[in-house]
């Protein structure tokens, strides 16, 4: 999936200035007239790491993004400015513009993950409340029913990238409202017959992890239990119902379909205002395409304001990413209104 994402980003250096890049867009990222924030964040991350490739600090440790205006279906220009270069880190600013309009402002701190800067020590930190016991991943991939997780994927008319993501959801449902756990693995084939086709387009790298930091369920729908297209409670119910409908379905992924007409019925829509992504290590895409646990937590939804915390870990529960979002939950009608410019 990493190679697929890089192909879709299609990063090109502008001739002349040594700090300007063009990032493409893809229909996989589209939700109505706007583009998914995680995909544009991944484009900025890709431009930053390309810019830093031959410097002493080639890795992004922390990326802060301000989404000033929604990105639309057109190529983006990313301009990078070095603010400070020190012995241990480099600080950069990146701006993303479309048609000369500033859409995203980003600040990044870069280091070298392969260069020790100080001591290391184990921690007793853990996720609370604890997630379900680890799935038997080999059994799941052999279409065997897992006692603690139910399997499925989301296929539909908007944000088509979800069709590439196999999902394991807690079998008992999301029992703590505001806390969402899911195991994810990327697929290659976009069809209903080959759910476990190997991902020939590469494994996972930090660009893809940056995207995953915003590839989240709708936590506002979860808190309000709206039953909307991305309400985790509703998705879970459909997955369990499909599995229970026929004994032959046990262990096989349920396909939950979303339709644009259903999304247009939503009463509210979430817009990410800020996104902070902290990457813990350099992930080698050559290590393969494994499973990733994403714990998403919304601590509050108050008068349209919501804060969201994200933790991403691998199959060994090794911490890879922590992220935070500030989200505005707005009337959904403005997302789909015809003849209007995209605006917060």
C-alpha atoms as a PDB file:
ATOM      1  CA  UNK A   1       0.000   0.000   0.000  1.00  0.00           C
ATOM      2  CA  UNK A   2       2.904   2.355   0.598  1.00  0.00           C
ATOM      3  CA  UNK A   3       3.881   2.189  -3.076  1.00  0.00           C
ATOM      4  CA  UNK A   4       0.261   2.764  -4.092  1.00  0.00           C
ATOM      5  CA  UNK A   5       0.066   5.873  -1.919  1.00  0.00           C
ATOM      6  CA  UNK A   6       3.355   7.227  -3.292  1.00  0.00           C
ATOM      7  CA  UNK A   7       2.118   6.649  -6.848  1.00  0.00           C
ATOM      8  CA  UNK A   8      -1.059   8.569  -6.046  1.00  0.00           C
ATOM      9  CA  UNK A   9       0.902  11.409  -4.423  1.00  0.00           C
ATOM     10  CA  UNK A  10       3.143  11.448  -7.518  1.00  0.00           C
ATOM     11  CA  UNK A  11       5.503  13.986  -5.954  1.00  0.00           C
ATOM     12  CA  UNK A  12       7.373  16.107  -8.496  1.00  0.00           C
ATOM     13  CA  UNK A  13      10.079  18.666  -7.849  1.00  0.00           C
ATOM     14  CA  UNK A  14       9.453  22.022  -9.538  1.00  0.00           C
ATOM     15  CA  UNK A  15      12.224  23.072 -11.887  1.00  0.00           C
ATOM     16  CA  UNK A  16      14.081  26.110 -10.624  1.00  0.00           C
ATOM     17  CA  UNK A  17      13.396  26.554  -6.885  1.00  0.00           C
ATOM     18  CA  UNK A  18      15.008  23.823  -4.800  1.00  0.00           C
ATOM     19  CA  UNK A  19      12.250  23.929  -2.163  1.00  0.00           C
ATOM     20  CA  UNK A  20       9.025  23.533  -4.161  1.00  0.00           C
ATOM     21  CA  UNK A  21       7.145  20.352  -5.045  1.00  0.00           C
ATOM     22  CA  UNK A  22       3.905  19.378  -6.783  1.00  0.00           C
ATOM     23  CA  UNK A  23       1.640  16.805  -5.122  1.00  0.00           C
ATOM     24  CA  UNK A  24      -1.070  15.107  -7.178  1.00  0.00           C
ATOM     25  CA  UNK A  25      -4.513  13.957  -5.980  1.00  0.00           C
ATOM     26  CA  UNK A  26      -6.530  10.786  -6.482  1.00  0.00           C
ATOM     27  CA  UNK A  27     -10.210   9.834  -6.441  1.00  0.00           C
ATOM     28  CA  UNK A  28      -9.421   7.356  -3.627  1.00  0.00           C
ATOM     29  CA  UNK A  29      -8.999  10.415  -1.381  1.00  0.00           C
ATOM     30  CA  UNK A  30     -12.232  12.181  -2.348  1.00  0.00           C
ATOM     31  CA  UNK A  31     -15.211  12.869  -0.115  1.00  0.00           C
ATOM     32  CA  UNK A  32     -17.557  14.974  -2.174  1.00  0.00           C
ATOM     33  CA  UNK A  33     -15.622  17.911  -3.605  1.00  0.00           C
ATOM     34  CA  UNK A  34     -12.888  17.790  -0.952  1.00  0.00           C
ATOM     35  CA  UNK A  35      -9.868  15.579  -0.300  1.00  0.00           C
ATOM     36  CA  UNK A  36      -9.195  13.502   2.789  1.00  0.00           C
ATOM     37  CA  UNK A  37      -6.905  15.326   5.235  1.00  0.00           C
ATOM     38  CA  UNK A  38      -4.746  12.297   5.939  1.00  0.00           C
ATOM     39  CA  UNK A  39      -3.840  11.939   2.268  1.00  0.00           C
ATOM     40  CA  UNK A  40      -2.829  15.598   1.960  1.00  0.00           C
ATOM     41  CA  UNK A  41      -0.849  15.248   5.212  1.00  0.00           C
ATOM     42  CA  UNK A  42       0.932  12.255   3.688  1.00  0.00           C
ATOM     43  CA  UNK A  43       1.750  14.383   0.634  1.00  0.00           C
ATOM     44  CA  UNK A  44       3.341  17.040   2.849  1.00  0.00           C
ATOM     45  CA  UNK A  45       5.259  14.364   4.770  1.00  0.00           C
ATOM     46  CA  UNK A  46       6.517  12.918   1.465  1.00  0.00           C
ATOM     47  CA  UNK A  47       7.710  16.342   0.286  1.00  0.00           C
ATOM     48  CA  UNK A  48       9.487  17.024   3.596  1.00  0.00           C
ATOM     49  CA  UNK A  49      11.337  13.703   3.654  1.00  0.00           C
ATOM     50  CA  UNK A  50      12.285  14.079  -0.011  1.00  0.00           C
ATOM     51  CA  UNK A  51      13.649  17.534   0.771  1.00  0.00           C
ATOM     52  CA  UNK A  52      15.615  16.144   3.740  1.00  0.00           C
ATOM     53  CA  UNK A  53      16.825  12.941   2.084  1.00  0.00           C
ATOM     54  CA  UNK A  54      20.495  13.922   1.847  1.00  0.00           C
ATOM     55  CA  UNK A  55      20.762  15.916   5.071  1.00  0.00           C
ATOM     56  CA  UNK A  56      21.930  14.892   8.566  1.00  0.00           C
ATOM     57  CA  UNK A  57      18.278  14.865   9.746  1.00  0.00           C
ATOM     58  CA  UNK A  58      16.264  12.825   7.206  1.00  0.00           C
ATOM     59  CA  UNK A  59      13.433  11.664   9.490  1.00  0.00           C
ATOM     60  CA  UNK A  60      10.336  13.564  10.622  1.00  0.00           C
ATOM     61  CA  UNK A  61       9.892  13.258  14.376  1.00  0.00           C
ATOM     62  CA  UNK A  62       6.938  15.638  14.781  1.00  0.00           C
ATOM     63  CA  UNK A  63       4.599  17.130  12.203  1.00  0.00           C
ATOM     64  CA  UNK A  64       2.062  19.821  13.106  1.00  0.00           C
ATOM     65  CA  UNK A  65      -0.542  20.751  10.491  1.00  0.00           C
ATOM     66  CA  UNK A  66      -3.062  23.601  10.427  1.00  0.00           C
ATOM     67  CA  UNK A  67      -5.886  22.918   7.965  1.00  0.00           C
ATOM     68  CA  UNK A  68      -6.848  26.442   6.945  1.00  0.00           C
ATOM     69  CA  UNK A  69      -9.131  25.535   4.048  1.00  0.00           C
ATOM     70  CA  UNK A  70     -10.265  22.175   2.649  1.00  0.00           C
ATOM     71  CA  UNK A  71      -8.239  20.846  -0.265  1.00  0.00           C
ATOM     72  CA  UNK A  72     -10.174  20.185  -3.448  1.00  0.00           C
ATOM     73  CA  UNK A  73      -9.735  17.937  -6.488  1.00  0.00           C
ATOM     74  CA  UNK A  74      -6.622  19.503  -7.974  1.00  0.00           C
ATOM     75  CA  UNK A  75      -2.840  19.285  -7.677  1.00  0.00           C
ATOM     76  CA  UNK A  76      -1.157  21.052  -4.766  1.00  0.00           C
ATOM     77  CA  UNK A  77       2.045  23.078  -4.531  1.00  0.00           C
ATOM     78  CA  UNK A  78       4.169  22.407  -1.442  1.00  0.00           C
ATOM     79  CA  UNK A  79       6.859  24.935  -0.525  1.00  0.00           C
ATOM     80  CA  UNK A  80       9.405  24.138   2.187  1.00  0.00           C
ATOM     81  CA  UNK A  81      11.451  26.612   4.226  1.00  0.00           C
ATOM     82  CA  UNK A  82      14.174  25.647   6.709  1.00  0.00           C
ATOM     83  CA  UNK A  83      13.658  27.670   9.899  1.00  0.00           C
ATOM     84  CA  UNK A  84      16.541  26.288  11.949  1.00  0.00           C
ATOM     85  CA  UNK A  85      19.264  23.668  11.664  1.00  0.00           C
ATOM     86  CA  UNK A  86      20.947  22.482  14.860  1.00  0.00           C
ATOM     87  CA  UNK A  87      23.282  19.706  15.901  1.00  0.00           C
ATOM     88  CA  UNK A  88      20.455  17.283  16.720  1.00  0.00           C
ATOM     89  CA  UNK A  89      17.431  18.499  14.753  1.00  0.00           C
ATOM     90  CA  UNK A  90      16.114  20.650  11.931  1.00  0.00           C
ATOM     91  CA  UNK A  91      12.904  22.701  12.020  1.00  0.00           C
ATOM     92  CA  UNK A  92      11.025  23.348   8.791  1.00  0.00           C
ATOM     93  CA  UNK A  93       7.900  25.085   7.586  1.00  0.00           C
ATOM     94  CA  UNK A  94       5.803  23.722   4.736  1.00  0.00           C
ATOM     95  CA  UNK A  95       2.890  25.422   2.995  1.00  0.00           C
ATOM     96  CA  UNK A  96       0.405  23.691   0.721  1.00  0.00           C
ATOM     97  CA  UNK A  97      -1.411  25.878  -1.804  1.00  0.00           C
ATOM     98  CA  UNK A  98      -3.986  25.224  -4.504  1.00  0.00           C
ATOM     99  CA  UNK A  99      -4.627  27.815  -7.205  1.00  0.00           C
ATOM    100  CA  UNK A 100      -2.500  30.248  -5.172  1.00  0.00           C
ATOM    101  CA  UNK A 101      -4.740  29.785  -2.095  1.00  0.00           C
ATOM    102  CA  UNK A 102      -3.024  28.716   1.116  1.00  0.00           C
ATOM    103  CA  UNK A 103      -4.739  25.537   2.333  1.00  0.00           C
ATOM    104  CA  UNK A 104      -2.384  23.932   4.888  1.00  0.00           C
ATOM    105  CA  UNK A 105       0.408  25.324   7.069  1.00  0.00           C
ATOM    106  CA  UNK A 106       2.812  22.788   8.597  1.00  0.00           C
ATOM    107  CA  UNK A 107       5.748  22.865  11.021  1.00  0.00           C
ATOM    108  CA  UNK A 108       8.036  19.832  11.198  1.00  0.00           C
ATOM    109  CA  UNK A 109      10.890  18.745  13.453  1.00  0.00           C
ATOM    110  CA  UNK A 110      13.387  16.426  11.778  1.00  0.00           C
ATOM    111  CA  UNK A 111      16.033  14.192  13.341  1.00  0.00           C
ATOM    112  CA  UNK A 112      17.920  11.025  12.433  1.00  0.00           C
ATOM    113  CA  UNK A 113      16.266   7.965  13.987  1.00  0.00           C
ATOM    114  CA  UNK A 114      19.461   5.964  13.491  1.00  0.00           C
ATOM    115  CA  UNK A 115      21.541   8.376  15.593  1.00  0.00           C
ATOM    116  CA  UNK A 116      21.251   7.843  19.384  1.00  0.00           C
ATOM    117  CA  UNK A 117      20.700  11.142  21.199  1.00  0.00           C
ATOM    118  CA  UNK A 118      20.583   9.814  24.768  1.00  0.00           C
ATOM    119  CA  UNK A 119      19.561   6.880  26.972  1.00  0.00           C
ATOM    120  CA  UNK A 120      16.789   4.316  26.401  1.00  0.00           C
ATOM    121  CA  UNK A 121      14.668   2.580  29.033  1.00  0.00           C
ATOM    122  CA  UNK A 122      11.571   0.341  28.932  1.00  0.00           C
ATOM    123  CA  UNK A 123       8.245   1.708  30.142  1.00  0.00           C
ATOM    124  CA  UNK A 124       5.213   0.082  31.780  1.00  0.00           C
ATOM    125  CA  UNK A 125       2.854   2.292  29.755  1.00  0.00           C
ATOM    126  CA  UNK A 126      -0.187   0.463  28.378  1.00  0.00           C
ATOM    127  CA  UNK A 127      -3.499   1.245  26.718  1.00  0.00           C
ATOM    128  CA  UNK A 128      -6.384   1.866  29.117  1.00  0.00           C
ATOM    129  CA  UNK A 129      -8.970   0.490  28.974  1.00  0.00           C
ATOM    130  CA  UNK A 130      -7.059  -2.523  27.613  1.00  0.00           C
ATOM    131  CA  UNK A 131      -7.998  -3.705  24.107  1.00  0.00           C
ATOM    132  CA  UNK A 132      -9.233  -7.231  23.448  1.00  0.00           C
ATOM    133  CA  UNK A 133      -6.597  -9.997  23.454  1.00  0.00           C
ATOM    134  CA  UNK A 134      -4.402 -10.086  20.357  1.00  0.00           C
ATOM    135  CA  UNK A 135      -6.046 -11.770  17.373  1.00  0.00           C
ATOM    136  CA  UNK A 136      -4.572 -14.945  15.940  1.00  0.00           C
ATOM    137  CA  UNK A 137      -3.525 -13.207  12.746  1.00  0.00           C
ATOM    138  CA  UNK A 138      -2.583 -16.391  10.848  1.00  0.00           C
ATOM    139  CA  UNK A 139      -5.923 -17.973  11.723  1.00  0.00           C
ATOM    140  CA  UNK A 140      -7.795 -14.811  10.697  1.00  0.00           C
ATOM    141  CA  UNK A 141      -6.020 -14.790   7.345  1.00  0.00           C
ATOM    142  CA  UNK A 142      -7.074 -18.424   6.888  1.00  0.00           C
ATOM    143  CA  UNK A 143     -10.734 -17.402   7.277  1.00  0.00           C
ATOM    144  CA  UNK A 144     -11.038 -18.812  10.786  1.00  0.00           C
ATOM    145  CA  UNK A 145     -13.376 -17.076  13.214  1.00  0.00           C
ATOM    146  CA  UNK A 146     -11.590 -15.197  16.001  1.00  0.00           C
ATOM    147  CA  UNK A 147     -13.246 -15.369  19.439  1.00  0.00           C
ATOM    148  CA  UNK A 148     -12.519 -11.719  20.244  1.00  0.00           C
ATOM    149  CA  UNK A 149     -12.677  -9.907  16.899  1.00  0.00           C
ATOM    150  CA  UNK A 150     -15.074  -9.743  13.944  1.00  0.00           C
ATOM    151  CA  UNK A 151     -13.713  -9.087  10.456  1.00  0.00           C
ATOM    152  CA  UNK A 152     -14.884  -6.849   7.623  1.00  0.00           C
ATOM    153  CA  UNK A 153     -14.110  -3.968   5.318  1.00  0.00           C
ATOM    154  CA  UNK A 154     -15.858  -0.855   4.050  1.00  0.00           C
ATOM    155  CA  UNK A 155     -16.625  -0.533   0.351  1.00  0.00           C
ATOM    156  CA  UNK A 156     -18.518   2.308  -1.228  1.00  0.00           C
ATOM    157  CA  UNK A 157     -18.838   5.487  -3.184  1.00  0.00           C
ATOM    158  CA  UNK A 158     -16.775   7.891  -1.089  1.00  0.00           C
ATOM    159  CA  UNK A 159     -13.257   7.628   0.318  1.00  0.00           C
ATOM    160  CA  UNK A 160     -12.611   4.495  -1.785  1.00  0.00           C
ATOM    161  CA  UNK A 161      -9.270   3.883  -0.043  1.00  0.00           C
ATOM    162  CA  UNK A 162     -11.266   2.153   2.725  1.00  0.00           C
ATOM    163  CA  UNK A 163     -11.847  -0.737   0.318  1.00  0.00           C
ATOM    164  CA  UNK A 164      -8.135  -1.531   0.634  1.00  0.00           C
ATOM    165  CA  UNK A 165      -8.327  -1.841   4.440  1.00  0.00           C
ATOM    166  CA  UNK A 166      -9.253  -5.078   6.179  1.00  0.00           C
ATOM    167  CA  UNK A 167     -10.695  -4.372   9.641  1.00  0.00           C
ATOM    168  CA  UNK A 168     -10.880  -6.388  12.853  1.00  0.00           C
ATOM    169  CA  UNK A 169     -13.412  -4.860  15.271  1.00  0.00           C
ATOM    170  CA  UNK A 170     -14.031  -5.964  18.882  1.00  0.00           C
ATOM    171  CA  UNK A 171     -16.562  -8.796  18.782  1.00  0.00           C
ATOM    172  CA  UNK A 172     -18.491  -7.428  21.788  1.00  0.00           C
ATOM    173  CA  UNK A 173     -18.649  -3.974  20.214  1.00  0.00           C
ATOM    174  CA  UNK A 174     -17.200  -0.671  21.344  1.00  0.00           C
ATOM    175  CA  UNK A 175     -18.219  -0.886  24.982  1.00  0.00           C
ATOM    176  CA  UNK A 176     -16.597   2.371  26.121  1.00  0.00           C
ATOM    177  CA  UNK A 177     -18.238   5.150  24.118  1.00  0.00           C
ATOM    178  CA  UNK A 178     -15.531   7.466  22.840  1.00  0.00           C
ATOM    179  CA  UNK A 179     -12.883   4.706  22.666  1.00  0.00           C
ATOM    180  CA  UNK A 180     -12.440   2.851  19.364  1.00  0.00           C
ATOM    181  CA  UNK A 181     -10.079  -0.069  18.722  1.00  0.00           C
ATOM    182  CA  UNK A 182      -9.446  -1.652  15.354  1.00  0.00           C
ATOM    183  CA  UNK A 183      -6.807  -3.825  13.741  1.00  0.00           C
ATOM    184  CA  UNK A 184      -6.119  -2.929  10.101  1.00  0.00           C
ATOM    185  CA  UNK A 185      -4.317  -4.591   7.226  1.00  0.00           C
ATOM    186  CA  UNK A 186      -4.014  -3.343   3.670  1.00  0.00           C
ATOM    187  CA  UNK A 187      -5.270  -5.330   0.698  1.00  0.00           C
ATOM    188  CA  UNK A 188      -4.347  -5.222  -2.953  1.00  0.00           C
ATOM    189  CA  UNK A 189      -7.404  -6.495  -4.834  1.00  0.00           C
ATOM    190  CA  UNK A 190     -10.494  -4.260  -4.910  1.00  0.00           C
ATOM    191  CA  UNK A 191     -13.107  -6.959  -5.298  1.00  0.00           C
ATOM    192  CA  UNK A 192     -15.355  -9.133  -3.160  1.00  0.00           C
ATOM    193  CA  UNK A 193     -13.811 -12.473  -4.087  1.00  0.00           C
ATOM    194  CA  UNK A 194     -10.163 -12.072  -3.076  1.00  0.00           C
ATOM    195  CA  UNK A 195     -10.221 -10.421   0.310  1.00  0.00           C
ATOM    196  CA  UNK A 196      -6.765 -11.677   1.202  1.00  0.00           C
ATOM    197  CA  UNK A 197      -4.912 -10.987  -2.013  1.00  0.00           C
ATOM    198  CA  UNK A 198      -1.345  -9.994  -1.080  1.00  0.00           C
ATOM    199  CA  UNK A 199      -0.500  -6.321  -1.284  1.00  0.00           C
ATOM    200  CA  UNK A 200       1.836  -6.306  -4.278  1.00  0.00           C
ATOM    201  CA  UNK A 201       2.160  -2.543  -3.953  1.00  0.00           C
ATOM    202  CA  UNK A 202       4.530  -2.613  -0.991  1.00  0.00           C
ATOM    203  CA  UNK A 203       4.318  -2.650   2.763  1.00  0.00           C
ATOM    204  CA  UNK A 204       4.002   0.211   5.226  1.00  0.00           C
ATOM    205  CA  UNK A 205       6.290   3.219   5.651  1.00  0.00           C
ATOM    206  CA  UNK A 206       6.114   6.463   7.634  1.00  0.00           C
ATOM    207  CA  UNK A 207       4.283   8.270   4.839  1.00  0.00           C
ATOM    208  CA  UNK A 208       1.497   5.709   5.124  1.00  0.00           C
ATOM    209  CA  UNK A 209       1.556   5.944   8.933  1.00  0.00           C
ATOM    210  CA  UNK A 210       1.048   9.718   8.619  1.00  0.00           C
ATOM    211  CA  UNK A 211      -1.998   9.003   6.484  1.00  0.00           C
ATOM    212  CA  UNK A 212      -3.267   6.456   9.043  1.00  0.00           C
ATOM    213  CA  UNK A 213      -3.106   9.092  11.789  1.00  0.00           C
ATOM    214  CA  UNK A 214      -6.154  10.674  10.111  1.00  0.00           C
ATOM    215  CA  UNK A 215      -7.785   7.551   8.589  1.00  0.00           C
ATOM    216  CA  UNK A 216     -10.131   7.263  11.549  1.00  0.00           C
ATOM    217  CA  UNK A 217     -13.728   6.347  12.290  1.00  0.00           C
ATOM    218  CA  UNK A 218     -16.154   9.197  12.834  1.00  0.00           C
ATOM    219  CA  UNK A 219     -15.811   9.744  16.569  1.00  0.00           C
ATOM    220  CA  UNK A 220     -18.586  12.343  16.559  1.00  0.00           C
ATOM    221  CA  UNK A 221     -20.976   9.759  15.060  1.00  0.00           C
ATOM    222  CA  UNK A 222     -19.741   7.300  17.687  1.00  0.00           C
ATOM    223  CA  UNK A 223     -20.375   9.665  20.590  1.00  0.00           C
ATOM    224  CA  UNK A 224     -23.808  10.688  19.307  1.00  0.00           C
ATOM    225  CA  UNK A 225     -24.671   7.151  18.086  1.00  0.00           C
ATOM    226  CA  UNK A 226     -26.065   8.558  14.855  1.00  0.00           C
ATOM    227  CA  UNK A 227     -26.035   5.326  12.875  1.00  0.00           C
ATOM    228  CA  UNK A 228     -24.322   7.261  10.065  1.00  0.00           C
ATOM    229  CA  UNK A 229     -22.135   5.833   7.325  1.00  0.00           C
ATOM    230  CA  UNK A 230     -19.031   5.881   9.532  1.00  0.00           C
ATOM    231  CA  UNK A 231     -20.592   5.377  12.968  1.00  0.00           C
ATOM    232  CA  UNK A 232     -18.441   2.578  14.460  1.00  0.00           C
ATOM    233  CA  UNK A 233     -21.443   1.195  16.366  1.00  0.00           C
ATOM    234  CA  UNK A 234     -23.418   0.847  13.139  1.00  0.00           C
ATOM    235  CA  UNK A 235     -20.502  -0.648  11.219  1.00  0.00           C
ATOM    236  CA  UNK A 236     -19.933  -3.197  13.977  1.00  0.00           C
ATOM    237  CA  UNK A 237     -23.612  -4.178  14.013  1.00  0.00           C
ATOM    238  CA  UNK A 238     -23.577  -4.769  10.243  1.00  0.00           C
ATOM    239  CA  UNK A 239     -20.414  -6.891  10.469  1.00  0.00           C
ATOM    240  CA  UNK A 240     -21.866  -9.066  13.251  1.00  0.00           C
ATOM    241  CA  UNK A 241     -25.230  -9.389  11.488  1.00  0.00           C
ATOM    242  CA  UNK A 242     -23.568 -10.523   8.257  1.00  0.00           C
ATOM    243  CA  UNK A 243     -21.451 -13.107  10.075  1.00  0.00           C
ATOM    244  CA  UNK A 244     -24.485 -14.431  11.972  1.00  0.00           C
ATOM    245  CA  UNK A 245     -26.725 -14.655   8.900  1.00  0.00           C
ATOM    246  CA  UNK A 246     -25.053 -17.792   7.524  1.00  0.00           C
ATOM    247  CA  UNK A 247     -22.625 -20.250   9.125  1.00  0.00           C
ATOM    248  CA  UNK A 248     -20.618 -20.078   5.891  1.00  0.00           C
ATOM    249  CA  UNK A 249     -19.887 -16.428   6.659  1.00  0.00           C
ATOM    250  CA  UNK A 250     -17.971 -17.201   9.858  1.00  0.00           C
ATOM    251  CA  UNK A 251     -14.385 -16.016   9.503  1.00  0.00           C
ATOM    252  CA  UNK A 252     -15.016 -14.343   6.157  1.00  0.00           C
ATOM    253  CA  UNK A 253     -14.936 -10.533   5.944  1.00  0.00           C
ATOM    254  CA  UNK A 254     -18.250  -8.759   5.935  1.00  0.00           C
ATOM    255  CA  UNK A 255     -18.458  -6.064   3.249  1.00  0.00           C
ATOM    256  CA  UNK A 256     -20.103  -2.950   4.674  1.00  0.00           C
ATOM    257  CA  UNK A 257     -21.196  -0.657   1.866  1.00  0.00           C
ATOM    258  CA  UNK A 258     -21.458   3.114   2.046  1.00  0.00           C
ATOM    259  CA  UNK A 259     -23.361   5.272  -0.389  1.00  0.00           C
ATOM    260  CA  UNK A 260     -23.003   8.994  -1.007  1.00  0.00           C
ATOM    261  CA  UNK A 261     -26.772   9.418  -0.673  1.00  0.00           C
ATOM    262  CA  UNK A 262     -26.551   8.000   2.854  1.00  0.00           C
ATOM    263  CA  UNK A 263     -23.653  10.312   3.768  1.00  0.00           C
ATOM    264  CA  UNK A 264     -25.693  13.285   2.556  1.00  0.00           C
ATOM    265  CA  UNK A 265     -28.354  12.446   5.159  1.00  0.00           C
ATOM    266  CA  UNK A 266     -25.907  12.995   8.017  1.00  0.00           C
ATOM    267  CA  UNK A 267     -26.711  15.813  10.412  1.00  0.00           C
ATOM    268  CA  UNK A 268     -23.061  16.652  11.153  1.00  0.00           C
ATOM    269  CA  UNK A 269     -19.657  16.287   9.545  1.00  0.00           C
ATOM    270  CA  UNK A 270     -16.224  16.430  11.144  1.00  0.00           C
ATOM    271  CA  UNK A 271     -13.531  18.803   9.890  1.00  0.00           C
ATOM    272  CA  UNK A 272     -10.006  18.422  11.250  1.00  0.00           C
ATOM    273  CA  UNK A 273      -8.615  21.844  12.163  1.00  0.00           C
ATOM    274  CA  UNK A 274      -5.214  20.767  13.489  1.00  0.00           C
ATOM    275  CA  UNK A 275      -3.322  17.480  13.347  1.00  0.00           C
ATOM    276  CA  UNK A 276      -0.150  16.637  15.285  1.00  0.00           C
ATOM    277  CA  UNK A 277       1.675  13.448  14.319  1.00  0.00           C
ATOM    278  CA  UNK A 278       4.659  12.117  16.283  1.00  0.00           C
ATOM    279  CA  UNK A 279       6.488   9.214  14.679  1.00  0.00           C
ATOM    280  CA  UNK A 280       8.451   6.925  16.998  1.00  0.00           C
ATOM    281  CA  UNK A 281      10.749   5.156  14.541  1.00  0.00           C
ATOM    282  CA  UNK A 282      11.601   4.711  10.882  1.00  0.00           C
ATOM    283  CA  UNK A 283       9.421   1.886   9.555  1.00  0.00           C
ATOM    284  CA  UNK A 284      10.987  -0.191   6.781  1.00  0.00           C
ATOM    285  CA  UNK A 285       8.435  -0.887   4.005  1.00  0.00           C
ATOM    286  CA  UNK A 286      10.431  -3.967   3.012  1.00  0.00           C
ATOM    287  CA  UNK A 287       9.510  -5.740   6.238  1.00  0.00           C
ATOM    288  CA  UNK A 288       6.130  -6.625   4.786  1.00  0.00           C
ATOM    289  CA  UNK A 289       2.496  -5.736   5.168  1.00  0.00           C
ATOM    290  CA  UNK A 290       1.421  -6.551   8.724  1.00  0.00           C
ATOM    291  CA  UNK A 291      -1.496  -5.648  10.956  1.00  0.00           C
ATOM    292  CA  UNK A 292      -1.741  -2.363  12.871  1.00  0.00           C
ATOM    293  CA  UNK A 293      -3.790  -1.547  15.940  1.00  0.00           C
ATOM    294  CA  UNK A 294      -5.279   1.949  15.927  1.00  0.00           C
ATOM    295  CA  UNK A 295      -6.726   3.165  19.253  1.00  0.00           C
ATOM    296  CA  UNK A 296      -8.805   6.311  18.755  1.00  0.00           C
ATOM    297  CA  UNK A 297     -10.119   8.242  21.750  1.00  0.00           C
ATOM    298  CA  UNK A 298     -12.442  11.250  21.847  1.00  0.00           C
ATOM    299  CA  UNK A 299     -12.386  12.835  25.291  1.00  0.00           C
ATOM    300  CA  UNK A 300     -15.161  15.361  24.654  1.00  0.00           C
ATOM    301  CA  UNK A 301     -17.604  16.793  22.132  1.00  0.00           C
ATOM    302  CA  UNK A 302     -18.797  20.221  23.269  1.00  0.00           C
ATOM    303  CA  UNK A 303     -20.657  22.767  21.104  1.00  0.00           C
ATOM    304  CA  UNK A 304     -19.125  21.375  17.925  1.00  0.00           C
ATOM    305  CA  UNK A 305     -15.584  21.105  19.295  1.00  0.00           C
ATOM    306  CA  UNK A 306     -13.966  17.700  19.649  1.00  0.00           C
ATOM    307  CA  UNK A 307     -10.471  16.528  20.559  1.00  0.00           C
ATOM    308  CA  UNK A 308      -9.198  13.147  19.382  1.00  0.00           C
ATOM    309  CA  UNK A 309      -6.120  11.147  20.437  1.00  0.00           C
ATOM    310  CA  UNK A 310      -4.644   8.397  18.252  1.00  0.00           C
ATOM    311  CA  UNK A 311      -2.200   5.590  19.036  1.00  0.00           C
ATOM    312  CA  UNK A 312      -0.856   3.244  16.351  1.00  0.00           C
ATOM    313  CA  UNK A 313       0.989   0.038  17.282  1.00  0.00           C
ATOM    314  CA  UNK A 314       2.194  -2.993  15.322  1.00  0.00           C
ATOM    315  CA  UNK A 315       1.444  -6.700  15.816  1.00  0.00           C
ATOM    316  CA  UNK A 316       3.938  -6.803  18.700  1.00  0.00           C
ATOM    317  CA  UNK A 317       2.214  -3.814  20.347  1.00  0.00           C
ATOM    318  CA  UNK A 318       5.301  -1.727  19.629  1.00  0.00           C
ATOM    319  CA  UNK A 319       4.361   1.961  19.604  1.00  0.00           C
ATOM    320  CA  UNK A 320       4.768   3.549  16.169  1.00  0.00           C
ATOM    321  CA  UNK A 321       2.712   6.764  16.184  1.00  0.00           C
ATOM    322  CA  UNK A 322       0.899   9.033  18.609  1.00  0.00           C
ATOM    323  CA  UNK A 323      -1.293  11.791  17.201  1.00  0.00           C
ATOM    324  CA  UNK A 324      -3.752  14.434  18.346  1.00  0.00           C
ATOM    325  CA  UNK A 325      -6.506  16.215  16.459  1.00  0.00           C
ATOM    326  CA  UNK A 326      -8.657  19.260  17.030  1.00  0.00           C
ATOM    327  CA  UNK A 327     -11.933  18.749  15.198  1.00  0.00           C
ATOM    328  CA  UNK A 328     -14.937  20.945  14.419  1.00  0.00           C
ATOM    329  CA  UNK A 329     -18.194  19.032  14.061  1.00  0.00           C
ATOM    330  CA  UNK A 330     -20.277  21.073  11.629  1.00  0.00           C
ATOM    331  CA  UNK A 331     -23.493  20.810   9.657  1.00  0.00           C
ATOM    332  CA  UNK A 332     -22.993  18.168   6.986  1.00  0.00           C
ATOM    333  CA  UNK A 333     -24.977  20.110   4.402  1.00  0.00           C
ATOM    334  CA  UNK A 334     -22.083  22.462   3.702  1.00  0.00           C
ATOM    335  CA  UNK A 335     -19.985  19.468   2.625  1.00  0.00           C
ATOM    336  CA  UNK A 336     -22.362  18.520  -0.170  1.00  0.00           C
ATOM    337  CA  UNK A 337     -24.023  21.819  -1.116  1.00  0.00           C
ATOM    338  CA  UNK A 338     -23.967  22.356  -4.866  1.00  0.00           C
ATOM    339  CA  UNK A 339     -22.469  25.505  -6.285  1.00  0.00           C
ATOM    340  CA  UNK A 340     -20.663  26.465  -3.099  1.00  0.00           C
ATOM    341  CA  UNK A 341     -16.968  26.722  -2.514  1.00  0.00           C
ATOM    342  CA  UNK A 342     -15.515  24.410   0.108  1.00  0.00           C
ATOM    343  CA  UNK A 343     -15.244  26.220   3.416  1.00  0.00           C
ATOM    344  CA  UNK A 344     -15.106  25.470   7.090  1.00  0.00           C
END
